[in-house]
Amino acid sequence: MKQPGFIRLATLALLSTLSFFSHGETILRLAYR
């Protein structure tokens, strides 16, 4: 059973988490400097 909506939601969640972690890493770097 293919669910394009679920796949799209999963990809959006993955991209959002990746961007969140990347921004968090940069913020932590700036904070520790």
PDB file of N, CA and C in Angstrom:
ATOM      1  N   MET A   1       0.851  -1.200   0.000  1.00  0.00           N
ATOM      2  CA  MET A   1       0.000   0.000   0.000  1.00  0.00           C
ATOM      3  C   MET A   1       0.888   1.253   0.000  1.00  0.00           C
ATOM      4  N   LYS A   2       0.733   2.058  -1.022  1.00  0.00           N
ATOM      5  CA  LYS A   2       1.535   3.280  -1.107  1.00  0.00           C
ATOM      6  C   LYS A   2       0.727   4.467  -0.594  1.00  0.00           C
ATOM      7  N   GLN A   3       1.346   5.267   0.259  1.00  0.00           N
ATOM      8  CA  GLN A   3       0.677   6.454   0.790  1.00  0.00           C
ATOM      9  C   GLN A   3       1.558   7.681   0.537  1.00  0.00           C
ATOM     10  N   PRO A   4       1.355   8.375  -0.578  1.00  0.00           N
ATOM     11  CA  PRO A   4       2.171   9.550  -0.913  1.00  0.00           C
ATOM     12  C   PRO A   4       2.112  10.622   0.169  1.00  0.00           C
ATOM     13  N   GLY A   5       0.934  10.791   0.771  1.00  0.00           N
ATOM     14  CA  GLY A   5       0.795  11.801   1.820  1.00  0.00           C
ATOM     15  C   GLY A   5       1.689  11.488   3.001  1.00  0.00           C
ATOM     16  N   PHE A   6       1.728  10.214   3.387  1.00  0.00           N
ATOM     17  CA  PHE A   6       2.558   9.813   4.527  1.00  0.00           C
ATOM     18  C   PHE A   6       4.033   9.998   4.197  1.00  0.00           C
ATOM     19  N   ILE A   7       4.414   9.627   2.970  1.00  0.00           N
ATOM     20  CA  ILE A   7       5.811   9.776   2.548  1.00  0.00           C
ATOM     21  C   ILE A   7       6.196  11.254   2.536  1.00  0.00           C
ATOM     22  N   ARG A   8       5.306  12.082   2.016  1.00  0.00           N
ATOM     23  CA  ARG A   8       5.577  13.526   1.965  1.00  0.00           C
ATOM     24  C   ARG A   8       5.729  14.076   3.377  1.00  0.00           C
ATOM     25  N   LEU A   9       4.844  13.653   4.279  1.00  0.00           N
ATOM     26  CA  LEU A   9       4.912  14.113   5.660  1.00  0.00           C
ATOM     27  C   LEU A   9       6.215  13.665   6.311  1.00  0.00           C
ATOM     28  N   ALA A  10       6.622  12.423   6.036  1.00  0.00           N
ATOM     29  CA  ALA A  10       7.864  11.900   6.614  1.00  0.00           C
ATOM     30  C   ALA A  10       9.068  12.682   6.099  1.00  0.00           C
ATOM     31  N   THR A  11       9.087  12.986   4.807  1.00  0.00           N
ATOM     32  CA  THR A  11      10.210  13.740   4.244  1.00  0.00           C
ATOM     33  C   THR A  11      10.252  15.151   4.823  1.00  0.00           C
ATOM     34  N   LEU A  12       9.093  15.778   4.968  1.00  0.00           N
ATOM     35  CA  LEU A  12       9.051  17.121   5.550  1.00  0.00           C
ATOM     36  C   LEU A  12       9.544  17.096   6.985  1.00  0.00           C
ATOM     37  N   ALA A  13       9.143  16.077   7.745  1.00  0.00           N
ATOM     38  CA  ALA A  13       9.583  15.964   9.135  1.00  0.00           C
ATOM     39  C   ALA A  13      11.091  15.756   9.189  1.00  0.00           C
ATOM     40  N   LEU A  14      11.616  14.909   8.306  1.00  0.00           N
ATOM     41  CA  LEU A  14      13.054  14.642   8.291  1.00  0.00           C
ATOM     42  C   LEU A  14      13.830  15.910   7.954  1.00  0.00           C
ATOM     43  N   LEU A  15      13.377  16.641   6.936  1.00  0.00           N
ATOM     44  CA  LEU A  15      14.060  17.875   6.548  1.00  0.00           C
ATOM     45  C   LEU A  15      13.988  18.901   7.670  1.00  0.00           C
ATOM     46  N   SER A  16      12.844  19.005   8.327  1.00  0.00           N
ATOM     47  CA  SER A  16      12.697  19.972   9.418  1.00  0.00           C
ATOM     48  C   SER A  16      13.619  19.620  10.576  1.00  0.00           C
ATOM     49  N   THR A  17      13.725  18.325  10.903  1.00  0.00           N
ATOM     50  CA  THR A  17      14.604  17.919  12.004  1.00  0.00           C
ATOM     51  C   THR A  17      16.058  18.177  11.635  1.00  0.00           C
ATOM     52  N   LEU A  18      16.430  17.884  10.390  1.00  0.00           N
ATOM     53  CA  LEU A  18      17.813  18.112   9.957  1.00  0.00           C
ATOM     54  C   LEU A  18      18.143  19.599  10.022  1.00  0.00           C
ATOM     55  N   SER A  19      17.253  20.447   9.526  1.00  0.00           N
ATOM     56  CA  SER A  19      17.497  21.889   9.554  1.00  0.00           C
ATOM     57  C   SER A  19      17.545  22.389  10.996  1.00  0.00           C
ATOM     58  N   PHE A  20      16.669  21.846  11.863  1.00  0.00           N
ATOM     59  CA  PHE A  20      16.656  22.248  13.267  1.00  0.00           C
ATOM     60  C   PHE A  20      17.975  21.898  13.942  1.00  0.00           C
ATOM     61  N   PHE A  21      18.479  20.670  13.692  1.00  0.00           N
ATOM     62  CA  PHE A  21      19.738  20.255  14.310  1.00  0.00           C
ATOM     63  C   PHE A  21      20.894  21.081  13.772  1.00  0.00           C
ATOM     64  N   SER A  22      20.889  21.411  12.486  1.00  0.00           N
ATOM     65  CA  SER A  22      21.970  22.202  11.896  1.00  0.00           C
ATOM     66  C   SER A  22      21.964  23.603  12.503  1.00  0.00           C
ATOM     67  N   HIS A  23      20.787  24.222  12.623  1.00  0.00           N
ATOM     68  CA  HIS A  23      20.702  25.550  13.221  1.00  0.00           C
ATOM     69  C   HIS A  23      21.099  25.495  14.690  1.00  0.00           C
ATOM     70  N   GLY A  24      20.699  24.451  15.382  1.00  0.00           N
ATOM     71  CA  GLY A  24      21.059  24.302  16.795  1.00  0.00           C
ATOM     72  C   GLY A  24      22.564  24.195  16.950  1.00  0.00           C
ATOM     73  N   GLU A  25      23.209  23.477  16.034  1.00  0.00           N
ATOM     74  CA  GLU A  25      24.664  23.326  16.102  1.00  0.00           C
ATOM     75  C   GLU A  25      25.338  24.678  15.908  1.00  0.00           C
ATOM     76  N   THR A  26      24.880  25.460  14.943  1.00  0.00           N
ATOM     77  CA  THR A  26      25.480  26.769  14.698  1.00  0.00           C
ATOM     78  C   THR A  26      25.248  27.691  15.888  1.00  0.00           C
ATOM     79  N   ILE A  27      24.057  27.638  16.473  1.00  0.00           N
ATOM     80  CA  ILE A  27      23.748  28.471  17.642  1.00  0.00           C
ATOM     81  C   ILE A  27      24.643  28.090  18.814  1.00  0.00           C
ATOM     82  N   LEU A  28      24.845  26.777  19.020  1.00  0.00           N
ATOM     83  CA  LEU A  28      25.710  26.331  20.109  1.00  0.00           C
ATOM     84  C   LEU A  28      27.138  26.799  19.865  1.00  0.00           C
ATOM     85  N   ARG A  29      27.599  26.737  18.625  1.00  0.00           N
ATOM     86  CA  ARG A  29      28.960  27.188  18.305  1.00  0.00           C
ATOM     87  C   ARG A  29      29.106  28.670  18.603  1.00  0.00           C
ATOM     88  N   LEU A  30      28.115  29.464  18.212  1.00  0.00           N
ATOM     89  CA  LEU A  30      28.181  30.902  18.464  1.00  0.00           C
ATOM     90  C   LEU A  30      28.112  31.190  19.961  1.00  0.00           C
ATOM     91  N   ALA A  31      27.344  30.397  20.684  1.00  0.00           N
ATOM     92  CA  ALA A  31      27.190  30.625  22.122  1.00  0.00           C
ATOM     93  C   ALA A  31      28.475  30.276  22.873  1.00  0.00           C
ATOM     94  N   TYR A  32      29.162  29.207  22.422  1.00  0.00           N
ATOM     95  CA  TYR A  32      30.360  28.790  23.150  1.00  0.00           C
ATOM     96  C   TYR A  32      31.587  29.606  22.770  1.00  0.00           C
ATOM     97  N   ARG A  33      31.477  30.461  21.740  1.00  0.00           N
ATOM     98  CA  ARG A  33      32.638  31.264  21.354  1.00  0.00           C
ATOM     99  C   ARG A  33      32.778  32.482  22.244  1.00  0.00           C
TER     100      ARG A  33
END
